[in-house]
Amino acid sequence: MDGAKVLAQETANGIAGRDVTGEVIRSVAAMTRRQPESVTAETRFHQDLDFDSTNVLELLMRLEADLDIEFDPDTFGAGAFETVGSLSAHVRQVLGD
């Protein structure tokens, strides 16, 4: 998903002005000790970042703290952790839908 589509989707979801994907990217970059510019919405957690289930849990805890939200594990779909973009879409749902 390109930047314009992400911004349009965030505006449509009622969280205009908040760069959710950017916030998720910054959290992922901090956790993986990468430059934020090296992480995109298309970055895949398992294939590109070598995430396992422990890394996913650590990321969720980091996002809860960084974004001041709480995840309900029962709401995660099968594709929620495929890419940074799919996780960002789930975070947008938690924040505003």
PDB file of N, CA and C in Angstrom:
ATOM      1  N   MET A   1       0.859  -1.176   0.000  1.00  0.00           N
ATOM      2  CA  MET A   1       0.000   0.000   0.000  1.00  0.00           C
ATOM      3  C   MET A   1       0.899   1.230   0.000  1.00  0.00           C
ATOM      4  N   ASP A   2       0.691   2.143  -0.965  1.00  0.00           N
ATOM      5  CA  ASP A   2       1.546   3.312  -1.033  1.00  0.00           C
ATOM      6  C   ASP A   2       1.092   4.379  -0.035  1.00  0.00           C
ATOM      7  N   GLY A   3       1.959   5.387   0.141  1.00  0.00           N
ATOM      8  CA  GLY A   3       1.696   6.414   1.142  1.00  0.00           C
ATOM      9  C   GLY A   3       0.401   7.162   0.945  1.00  0.00           C
ATOM     10  N   ALA A   4       0.049   7.473  -0.307  1.00  0.00           N
ATOM     11  CA  ALA A   4      -1.189   8.206  -0.575  1.00  0.00           C
ATOM     12  C   ALA A   4      -2.413   7.382  -0.196  1.00  0.00           C
ATOM     13  N   LYS A   5      -2.372   6.089  -0.494  1.00  0.00           N
ATOM     14  CA  LYS A   5      -3.492   5.217  -0.132  1.00  0.00           C
ATOM     15  C   LYS A   5      -3.621   5.101   1.379  1.00  0.00           C
ATOM     16  N   VAL A   6      -2.480   4.997   2.075  1.00  0.00           N
ATOM     17  CA  VAL A   6      -2.508   4.905   3.537  1.00  0.00           C
ATOM     18  C   VAL A   6      -3.116   6.157   4.131  1.00  0.00           C
ATOM     19  N   LEU A   7      -2.682   7.342   3.668  1.00  0.00           N
ATOM     20  CA  LEU A   7      -3.222   8.597   4.183  1.00  0.00           C
ATOM     21  C   LEU A   7      -4.708   8.708   3.893  1.00  0.00           C
ATOM     22  N   ALA A   8      -5.130   8.344   2.686  1.00  0.00           N
ATOM     23  CA  ALA A   8      -6.546   8.391   2.339  1.00  0.00           C
ATOM     24  C   ALA A   8      -7.352   7.458   3.227  1.00  0.00           C
ATOM     25  N   GLN A   9      -6.817   6.273   3.489  1.00  0.00           N
ATOM     26  CA  GLN A   9      -7.530   5.318   4.338  1.00  0.00           C
ATOM     27  C   GLN A   9      -7.600   5.823   5.777  1.00  0.00           C
ATOM     28  N   GLU A  10      -6.509   6.403   6.289  1.00  0.00           N
ATOM     29  CA  GLU A  10      -6.525   6.922   7.652  1.00  0.00           C
ATOM     30  C   GLU A  10      -7.507   8.074   7.774  1.00  0.00           C
ATOM     31  N   THR A  11      -7.600   8.927   6.756  1.00  0.00           N
ATOM     32  CA  THR A  11      -8.560  10.024   6.771  1.00  0.00           C
ATOM     33  C   THR A  11      -9.982   9.476   6.748  1.00  0.00           C
ATOM     34  N   ALA A  12     -10.229   8.484   5.909  1.00  0.00           N
ATOM     35  CA  ALA A  12     -11.561   7.880   5.813  1.00  0.00           C
ATOM     36  C   ALA A  12     -11.956   7.200   7.116  1.00  0.00           C
ATOM     37  N   ASN A  13     -10.995   6.695   7.846  1.00  0.00           N
ATOM     38  CA  ASN A  13     -11.283   5.999   9.097  1.00  0.00           C
ATOM     39  C   ASN A  13     -11.470   6.946  10.282  1.00  0.00           C
ATOM     40  N   GLY A  14     -11.417   8.243  10.038  1.00  0.00           N
ATOM     41  CA  GLY A  14     -11.698   9.181  11.117  1.00  0.00           C
ATOM     42  C   GLY A  14     -10.524   9.465  12.025  1.00  0.00           C
ATOM     43  N   ILE A  15      -9.326   9.132  11.613  1.00  0.00           N
ATOM     44  CA  ILE A  15      -8.158   9.414  12.437  1.00  0.00           C
ATOM     45  C   ILE A  15      -7.207  10.312  11.661  1.00  0.00           C
ATOM     46  N   ALA A  16      -7.819  11.279  10.958  1.00  0.00           N
ATOM     47  CA  ALA A  16      -7.048  12.213  10.138  1.00  0.00           C
ATOM     48  C   ALA A  16      -5.984  12.888  10.989  1.00  0.00           C
ATOM     49  N   GLY A  17      -4.860  13.121  10.365  1.00  0.00           N
ATOM     50  CA  GLY A  17      -3.775  13.794  11.057  1.00  0.00           C
ATOM     51  C   GLY A  17      -2.885  12.847  11.830  1.00  0.00           C
ATOM     52  N   ARG A  18      -3.284  11.616  11.976  1.00  0.00           N
ATOM     53  CA  ARG A  18      -2.467  10.648  12.705  1.00  0.00           C
ATOM     54  C   ARG A  18      -1.868   9.665  11.708  1.00  0.00           C
ATOM     55  N   ASP A  19      -0.566   9.596  11.665  1.00  0.00           N
ATOM     56  CA  ASP A  19       0.144   8.716  10.753  1.00  0.00           C
ATOM     57  C   ASP A  19       0.343   7.366  11.440  1.00  0.00           C
ATOM     58  N   VAL A  20      -0.695   6.556  11.418  1.00  0.00           N
ATOM     59  CA  VAL A  20      -0.665   5.262  12.103  1.00  0.00           C
ATOM     60  C   VAL A  20       0.426   4.374  11.529  1.00  0.00           C
ATOM     61  N   THR A  21       0.501   4.310  10.211  1.00  0.00           N
ATOM     62  CA  THR A  21       1.525   3.464   9.595  1.00  0.00           C
ATOM     63  C   THR A  21       2.916   3.939   9.997  1.00  0.00           C
ATOM     64  N   GLY A  22       3.123   5.237  10.008  1.00  0.00           N
ATOM     65  CA  GLY A  22       4.409   5.790  10.440  1.00  0.00           C
ATOM     66  C   GLY A  22       4.726   5.442  11.878  1.00  0.00           C
ATOM     67  N   GLU A  23       3.720   5.491  12.735  1.00  0.00           N
ATOM     68  CA  GLU A  23       3.919   5.148  14.143  1.00  0.00           C
ATOM     69  C   GLU A  23       4.266   3.667  14.298  1.00  0.00           C
ATOM     70  N   VAL A  24       3.592   2.811  13.541  1.00  0.00           N
ATOM     71  CA  VAL A  24       3.896   1.376  13.584  1.00  0.00           C
ATOM     72  C   VAL A  24       5.309   1.136  13.050  1.00  0.00           C
ATOM     73  N   ILE A  25       5.649   1.807  11.959  1.00  0.00           N
ATOM     74  CA  ILE A  25       7.000   1.660  11.397  1.00  0.00           C
ATOM     75  C   ILE A  25       8.056   2.085  12.402  1.00  0.00           C
ATOM     76  N   ARG A  26       7.847   3.203  13.089  1.00  0.00           N
ATOM     77  CA  ARG A  26       8.825   3.650  14.091  1.00  0.00           C
ATOM     78  C   ARG A  26       8.973   2.634  15.211  1.00  0.00           C
ATOM     79  N   SER A  27       7.875   2.032  15.651  1.00  0.00           N
ATOM     80  CA  SER A  27       7.934   1.017  16.706  1.00  0.00           C
ATOM     81  C   SER A  27       8.678  -0.226  16.227  1.00  0.00           C
ATOM     82  N   VAL A  28       8.384  -0.663  15.001  1.00  0.00           N
ATOM     83  CA  VAL A  28       9.069  -1.833  14.437  1.00  0.00           C
ATOM     84  C   VAL A  28      10.558  -1.536  14.283  1.00  0.00           C
ATOM     85  N   ALA A  29      10.889  -0.357  13.772  1.00  0.00           N
ATOM     86  CA  ALA A  29      12.287   0.013  13.573  1.00  0.00           C
ATOM     87  C   ALA A  29      13.037   0.055  14.902  1.00  0.00           C
ATOM     88  N   ALA A  30      12.419   0.629  15.924  1.00  0.00           N
ATOM     89  CA  ALA A  30      13.069   0.688  17.237  1.00  0.00           C
ATOM     90  C   ALA A  30      13.291  -0.715  17.797  1.00  0.00           C
ATOM     91  N   MET A  31      12.306  -1.559  17.639  1.00  0.00           N
ATOM     92  CA  MET A  31      12.411  -2.919  18.170  1.00  0.00           C
ATOM     93  C   MET A  31      13.485  -3.728  17.442  1.00  0.00           C
ATOM     94  N   THR A  32      13.597  -3.527  16.140  1.00  0.00           N
ATOM     95  CA  THR A  32      14.543  -4.313  15.342  1.00  0.00           C
ATOM     96  C   THR A  32      15.881  -3.604  15.149  1.00  0.00           C
ATOM     97  N   ARG A  33      16.007  -2.416  15.741  1.00  0.00           N
ATOM     98  CA  ARG A  33      17.223  -1.606  15.627  1.00  0.00           C
ATOM     99  C   ARG A  33      17.576  -1.312  14.167  1.00  0.00           C
ATOM    100  N   ARG A  34      16.553  -0.963  13.404  1.00  0.00           N
ATOM    101  CA  ARG A  34      16.718  -0.576  12.004  1.00  0.00           C
ATOM    102  C   ARG A  34      16.368   0.894  11.859  1.00  0.00           C
ATOM    103  N   GLN A  35      16.795   1.473  10.762  1.00  0.00           N
ATOM    104  CA  GLN A  35      16.386   2.833  10.435  1.00  0.00           C
ATOM    105  C   GLN A  35      14.933   2.781   9.973  1.00  0.00           C
ATOM    106  N   PRO A  36      14.084   3.710  10.418  1.00  0.00           N
ATOM    107  CA  PRO A  36      12.681   3.698   9.992  1.00  0.00           C
ATOM    108  C   PRO A  36      12.518   3.706   8.468  1.00  0.00           C
ATOM    109  N   GLU A  37      13.444   4.322   7.753  1.00  0.00           N
ATOM    110  CA  GLU A  37      13.360   4.379   6.294  1.00  0.00           C
ATOM    111  C   GLU A  37      13.488   2.992   5.666  1.00  0.00           C
ATOM    112  N   SER A  38      14.052   2.034   6.397  1.00  0.00           N
ATOM    113  CA  SER A  38      14.243   0.688   5.848  1.00  0.00           C
ATOM    114  C   SER A  38      13.019  -0.207   6.047  1.00  0.00           C
ATOM    115  N   VAL A  39      12.016   0.302   6.767  1.00  0.00           N
ATOM    116  CA  VAL A  39      10.785  -0.458   7.016  1.00  0.00           C
ATOM    117  C   VAL A  39       9.654   0.232   6.260  1.00  0.00           C
ATOM    118  N   THR A  40       8.904  -0.545   5.475  1.00  0.00           N
ATOM    119  CA  THR A  40       7.787   0.016   4.709  1.00  0.00           C
ATOM    120  C   THR A  40       6.513  -0.760   5.050  1.00  0.00           C
ATOM    121  N   ALA A  41       5.402  -0.295   4.508  1.00  0.00           N
ATOM    122  CA  ALA A  41       4.133  -1.000   4.712  1.00  0.00           C
ATOM    123  C   ALA A  41       4.185  -2.399   4.117  1.00  0.00           C
ATOM    124  N   GLU A  42       5.024  -2.612   3.125  1.00  0.00           N
ATOM    125  CA  GLU A  42       5.135  -3.919   2.480  1.00  0.00           C
ATOM    126  C   GLU A  42       6.105  -4.861   3.192  1.00  0.00           C
ATOM    127  N   THR A  43       6.831  -4.378   4.187  1.00  0.00           N
ATOM    128  CA  THR A  43       7.784  -5.227   4.915  1.00  0.00           C
ATOM    129  C   THR A  43       7.027  -6.361   5.584  1.00  0.00           C
ATOM    130  N   ARG A  44       7.495  -7.573   5.338  1.00  0.00           N
ATOM    131  CA  ARG A  44       6.846  -8.773   5.892  1.00  0.00           C
ATOM    132  C   ARG A  44       7.537  -9.160   7.199  1.00  0.00           C
ATOM    133  N   PHE A  45       6.729  -9.435   8.198  1.00  0.00           N
ATOM    134  CA  PHE A  45       7.291  -9.746   9.513  1.00  0.00           C
ATOM    135  C   PHE A  45       8.118 -11.024   9.510  1.00  0.00           C
ATOM    136  N   HIS A  46       7.577 -12.095   8.993  1.00  0.00           N
ATOM    137  CA  HIS A  46       8.267 -13.384   9.077  1.00  0.00           C
ATOM    138  C   HIS A  46       9.400 -13.493   8.055  1.00  0.00           C
ATOM    139  N   GLN A  47       9.141 -13.139   6.807  1.00  0.00           N
ATOM    140  CA  GLN A  47      10.140 -13.301   5.760  1.00  0.00           C
ATOM    141  C   GLN A  47      11.233 -12.238   5.803  1.00  0.00           C
ATOM    142  N   ASP A  48      10.873 -10.983   6.015  1.00  0.00           N
ATOM    143  CA  ASP A  48      11.846  -9.896   5.943  1.00  0.00           C
ATOM    144  C   ASP A  48      12.506  -9.576   7.284  1.00  0.00           C
ATOM    145  N   LEU A  49      11.759  -9.736   8.375  1.00  0.00           N
ATOM    146  CA  LEU A  49      12.277  -9.371   9.692  1.00  0.00           C
ATOM    147  C   LEU A  49      12.582 -10.574  10.587  1.00  0.00           C
ATOM    148  N   ASP A  50      12.301 -11.774  10.087  1.00  0.00           N
ATOM    149  CA  ASP A  50      12.546 -13.013  10.843  1.00  0.00           C
ATOM    150  C   ASP A  50      11.831 -13.033  12.193  1.00  0.00           C
ATOM    151  N   PHE A  51      10.604 -12.506  12.235  1.00  0.00           N
ATOM    152  CA  PHE A  51       9.821 -12.509  13.473  1.00  0.00           C
ATOM    153  C   PHE A  51       9.299 -13.909  13.774  1.00  0.00           C
ATOM    154  N   ASP A  52       9.278 -14.238  15.056  1.00  0.00           N
ATOM    155  CA  ASP A  52       8.595 -15.443  15.519  1.00  0.00           C
ATOM    156  C   ASP A  52       7.487 -14.990  16.460  1.00  0.00           C
ATOM    157  N   SER A  53       6.795 -15.933  17.088  1.00  0.00           N
ATOM    158  CA  SER A  53       5.653 -15.570  17.938  1.00  0.00           C
ATOM    159  C   SER A  53       6.077 -14.697  19.121  1.00  0.00           C
ATOM    160  N   THR A  54       7.266 -14.898  19.638  1.00  0.00           N
ATOM    161  CA  THR A  54       7.749 -14.075  20.750  1.00  0.00           C
ATOM    162  C   THR A  54       7.960 -12.635  20.294  1.00  0.00           C
ATOM    163  N   ASN A  55       8.534 -12.460  19.103  1.00  0.00           N
ATOM    164  CA  ASN A  55       8.725 -11.111  18.564  1.00  0.00           C
ATOM    165  C   ASN A  55       7.393 -10.407  18.341  1.00  0.00           C
ATOM    166  N   VAL A  56       6.399 -11.153  17.872  1.00  0.00           N
ATOM    167  CA  VAL A  56       5.076 -10.579  17.644  1.00  0.00           C
ATOM    168  C   VAL A  56       4.489 -10.082  18.964  1.00  0.00           C
ATOM    169  N   LEU A  57       4.584 -10.892  20.010  1.00  0.00           N
ATOM    170  CA  LEU A  57       4.071 -10.473  21.324  1.00  0.00           C
ATOM    171  C   LEU A  57       4.812  -9.248  21.839  1.00  0.00           C
ATOM    172  N   GLU A  58       6.120  -9.223  21.666  1.00  0.00           N
ATOM    173  CA  GLU A  58       6.905  -8.070  22.091  1.00  0.00           C
ATOM    174  C   GLU A  58       6.484  -6.811  21.330  1.00  0.00           C
ATOM    175  N   LEU A  59       6.245  -6.957  20.022  1.00  0.00           N
ATOM    176  CA  LEU A  59       5.799  -5.819  19.226  1.00  0.00           C
ATOM    177  C   LEU A  59       4.430  -5.325  19.685  1.00  0.00           C
ATOM    178  N   LEU A  60       3.527  -6.244  19.965  1.00  0.00           N
ATOM    179  CA  LEU A  60       2.199  -5.838  20.446  1.00  0.00           C
ATOM    180  C   LEU A  60       2.297  -5.054  21.747  1.00  0.00           C
ATOM    181  N   MET A  61       3.124  -5.518  22.665  1.00  0.00           N
ATOM    182  CA  MET A  61       3.294  -4.794  23.929  1.00  0.00           C
ATOM    183  C   MET A  61       3.897  -3.420  23.691  1.00  0.00           C
ATOM    184  N   ARG A  62       4.857  -3.337  22.781  1.00  0.00           N
ATOM    185  CA  ARG A  62       5.477  -2.048  22.455  1.00  0.00           C
ATOM    186  C   ARG A  62       4.442  -1.103  21.846  1.00  0.00           C
ATOM    187  N   LEU A  63       3.627  -1.617  20.914  1.00  0.00           N
ATOM    188  CA  LEU A  63       2.604  -0.781  20.284  1.00  0.00           C
ATOM    189  C   LEU A  63       1.558  -0.325  21.288  1.00  0.00           C
ATOM    190  N   GLU A  64       1.174  -1.202  22.195  1.00  0.00           N
ATOM    191  CA  GLU A  64       0.210  -0.799  23.224  1.00  0.00           C
ATOM    192  C   GLU A  64       0.761   0.368  24.029  1.00  0.00           C
ATOM    193  N   ALA A  65       2.045   0.317  24.384  1.00  0.00           N
ATOM    194  CA  ALA A  65       2.656   1.399  25.151  1.00  0.00           C
ATOM    195  C   ALA A  65       2.846   2.650  24.292  1.00  0.00           C
ATOM    196  N   ASP A  66       3.369   2.470  23.074  1.00  0.00           N
ATOM    197  CA  ASP A  66       3.665   3.617  22.206  1.00  0.00           C
ATOM    198  C   ASP A  66       2.408   4.345  21.738  1.00  0.00           C
ATOM    199  N   LEU A  67       1.341   3.595  21.471  1.00  0.00           N
ATOM    200  CA  LEU A  67       0.128   4.184  20.894  1.00  0.00           C
ATOM    201  C   LEU A  67      -1.004   4.349  21.904  1.00  0.00           C
ATOM    202  N   ASP A  68      -0.759   3.939  23.138  1.00  0.00           N
ATOM    203  CA  ASP A  68      -1.759   4.021  24.200  1.00  0.00           C
ATOM    204  C   ASP A  68      -3.069   3.342  23.781  1.00  0.00           C
ATOM    205  N   ILE A  69      -2.938   2.087  23.348  1.00  0.00           N
ATOM    206  CA  ILE A  69      -4.097   1.288  22.964  1.00  0.00           C
ATOM    207  C   ILE A  69      -3.990  -0.075  23.634  1.00  0.00           C
ATOM    208  N   GLU A  70      -5.053  -0.829  23.544  1.00  0.00           N
ATOM    209  CA  GLU A  70      -5.048  -2.191  24.074  1.00  0.00           C
ATOM    210  C   GLU A  70      -5.631  -3.119  23.019  1.00  0.00           C
ATOM    211  N   PHE A  71      -4.892  -4.171  22.727  1.00  0.00           N
ATOM    212  CA  PHE A  71      -5.336  -5.142  21.734  1.00  0.00           C
ATOM    213  C   PHE A  71      -6.147  -6.240  22.385  1.00  0.00           C
ATOM    214  N   ASP A  72      -7.178  -6.685  21.690  1.00  0.00           N
ATOM    215  CA  ASP A  72      -7.945  -7.851  22.087  1.00  0.00           C
ATOM    216  C   ASP A  72      -7.462  -8.992  21.203  1.00  0.00           C
ATOM    217  N   PRO A  73      -6.782  -9.994  21.756  1.00  0.00           N
ATOM    218  CA  PRO A  73      -6.227 -11.065  20.929  1.00  0.00           C
ATOM    219  C   PRO A  73      -7.277 -11.821  20.125  1.00  0.00           C
ATOM    220  N   ASP A  74      -8.511 -11.774  20.546  1.00  0.00           N
ATOM    221  CA  ASP A  74      -9.574 -12.476  19.825  1.00  0.00           C
ATOM    222  C   ASP A  74      -9.968 -11.786  18.527  1.00  0.00           C
ATOM    223  N   THR A  75      -9.495 -10.545  18.312  1.00  0.00           N
ATOM    224  CA  THR A  75      -9.904  -9.797  17.122  1.00  0.00           C
ATOM    225  C   THR A  75      -8.896  -9.892  15.980  1.00  0.00           C
ATOM    226  N   PHE A  76      -7.763 -10.528  16.204  1.00  0.00           N
ATOM    227  CA  PHE A  76      -6.752 -10.614  15.152  1.00  0.00           C
ATOM    228  C   PHE A  76      -7.159 -11.617  14.099  1.00  0.00           C
ATOM    229  N   GLY A  77      -7.144 -11.167  12.839  1.00  0.00           N
ATOM    230  CA  GLY A  77      -7.402 -12.065  11.725  1.00  0.00           C
ATOM    231  C   GLY A  77      -6.124 -12.779  11.328  1.00  0.00           C
ATOM    232  N   ALA A  78      -6.250 -13.742  10.453  1.00  0.00           N
ATOM    233  CA  ALA A  78      -5.103 -14.547  10.040  1.00  0.00           C
ATOM    234  C   ALA A  78      -4.011 -13.705   9.385  1.00  0.00           C
ATOM    235  N   GLY A  79      -4.377 -12.638   8.684  1.00  0.00           N
ATOM    236  CA  GLY A  79      -3.381 -11.842   7.980  1.00  0.00           C
ATOM    237  C   GLY A  79      -2.895 -10.617   8.722  1.00  0.00           C
ATOM    238  N   ALA A  80      -3.282 -10.445   9.968  1.00  0.00           N
ATOM    239  CA  ALA A  80      -2.944  -9.234  10.709  1.00  0.00           C
ATOM    240  C   ALA A  80      -1.441  -9.031  10.854  1.00  0.00           C
ATOM    241  N   PHE A  81      -0.679 -10.093  10.852  1.00  0.00           N
ATOM    242  CA  PHE A  81       0.764  -9.968  11.055  1.00  0.00           C
ATOM    243  C   PHE A  81       1.563 -10.397   9.840  1.00  0.00           C
ATOM    244  N   GLU A  82       0.962 -10.280   8.678  1.00  0.00           N
ATOM    245  CA  GLU A  82       1.698 -10.623   7.467  1.00  0.00           C
ATOM    246  C   GLU A  82       2.690  -9.518   7.104  1.00  0.00           C
ATOM    247  N   THR A  83       2.198  -8.280   7.099  1.00  0.00           N
ATOM    248  CA  THR A  83       3.042  -7.135   6.741  1.00  0.00           C
ATOM    249  C   THR A  83       2.830  -6.004   7.740  1.00  0.00           C
ATOM    250  N   VAL A  84       3.723  -5.030   7.692  1.00  0.00           N
ATOM    251  CA  VAL A  84       3.570  -3.833   8.515  1.00  0.00           C
ATOM    252  C   VAL A  84       2.265  -3.131   8.147  1.00  0.00           C
ATOM    253  N   GLY A  85       1.925  -3.121   6.874  1.00  0.00           N
ATOM    254  CA  GLY A  85       0.681  -2.490   6.432  1.00  0.00           C
ATOM    255  C   GLY A  85      -0.556  -3.171   6.973  1.00  0.00           C
ATOM    256  N   SER A  86      -0.556  -4.508   7.000  1.00  0.00           N
ATOM    257  CA  SER A  86      -1.731  -5.214   7.526  1.00  0.00           C
ATOM    258  C   SER A  86      -1.870  -4.997   9.032  1.00  0.00           C
ATOM    259  N   LEU A  87      -0.750  -4.934   9.738  1.00  0.00           N
ATOM    260  CA  LEU A  87      -0.824  -4.629  11.170  1.00  0.00           C
ATOM    261  C   LEU A  87      -1.296  -3.198  11.378  1.00  0.00           C
ATOM    262  N   SER A  88      -0.833  -2.278  10.551  1.00  0.00           N
ATOM    263  CA  SER A  88      -1.275  -0.879  10.647  1.00  0.00           C
ATOM    264  C   SER A  88      -2.778  -0.770  10.434  1.00  0.00           C
ATOM    265  N   ALA A  89      -3.306  -1.537   9.490  1.00  0.00           N
ATOM    266  CA  ALA A  89      -4.752  -1.531   9.248  1.00  0.00           C
ATOM    267  C   ALA A  89      -5.496  -2.011  10.487  1.00  0.00           C
ATOM    268  N   HIS A  90      -4.963  -3.027  11.157  1.00  0.00           N
ATOM    269  CA  HIS A  90      -5.612  -3.524  12.381  1.00  0.00           C
ATOM    270  C   HIS A  90      -5.533  -2.460  13.484  1.00  0.00           C
ATOM    271  N   VAL A  91      -4.402  -1.791  13.596  1.00  0.00           N
ATOM    272  CA  VAL A  91      -4.269  -0.734  14.602  1.00  0.00           C
ATOM    273  C   VAL A  91      -5.266   0.381  14.329  1.00  0.00           C
ATOM    274  N   ARG A  92      -5.447   0.742  13.045  1.00  0.00           N
ATOM    275  CA  ARG A  92      -6.445   1.770  12.710  1.00  0.00           C
ATOM    276  C   ARG A  92      -7.835   1.347  13.164  1.00  0.00           C
ATOM    277  N   GLN A  93      -8.155   0.063  12.992  1.00  0.00           N
ATOM    278  CA  GLN A  93      -9.465  -0.430  13.451  1.00  0.00           C
ATOM    279  C   GLN A  93      -9.588  -0.266  14.959  1.00  0.00           C
ATOM    280  N   VAL A  94      -8.563  -0.623  15.688  1.00  0.00           N
ATOM    281  CA  VAL A  94      -8.599  -0.518  17.146  1.00  0.00           C
ATOM    282  C   VAL A  94      -8.735   0.952  17.563  1.00  0.00           C
ATOM    283  N   LEU A  95      -8.080   1.844  16.845  1.00  0.00           N
ATOM    284  CA  LEU A  95      -8.098   3.261  17.210  1.00  0.00           C
ATOM    285  C   LEU A  95      -9.389   3.985  16.876  1.00  0.00           C
ATOM    286  N   GLY A  96     -10.065   3.558  15.789  1.00  0.00           N
ATOM    287  CA  GLY A  96     -11.149   4.432  15.406  1.00  0.00           C
ATOM    288  C   GLY A  96     -12.368   3.859  14.754  1.00  0.00           C
ATOM    289  N   ASP A  97     -12.344   2.679  14.282  1.00  0.00           N
ATOM    290  CA  ASP A  97     -13.536   2.162  13.593  1.00  0.00           C
ATOM    291  C   ASP A  97     -14.601   1.742  14.540  1.00  0.00           C
TER     292      ASP A  97
END
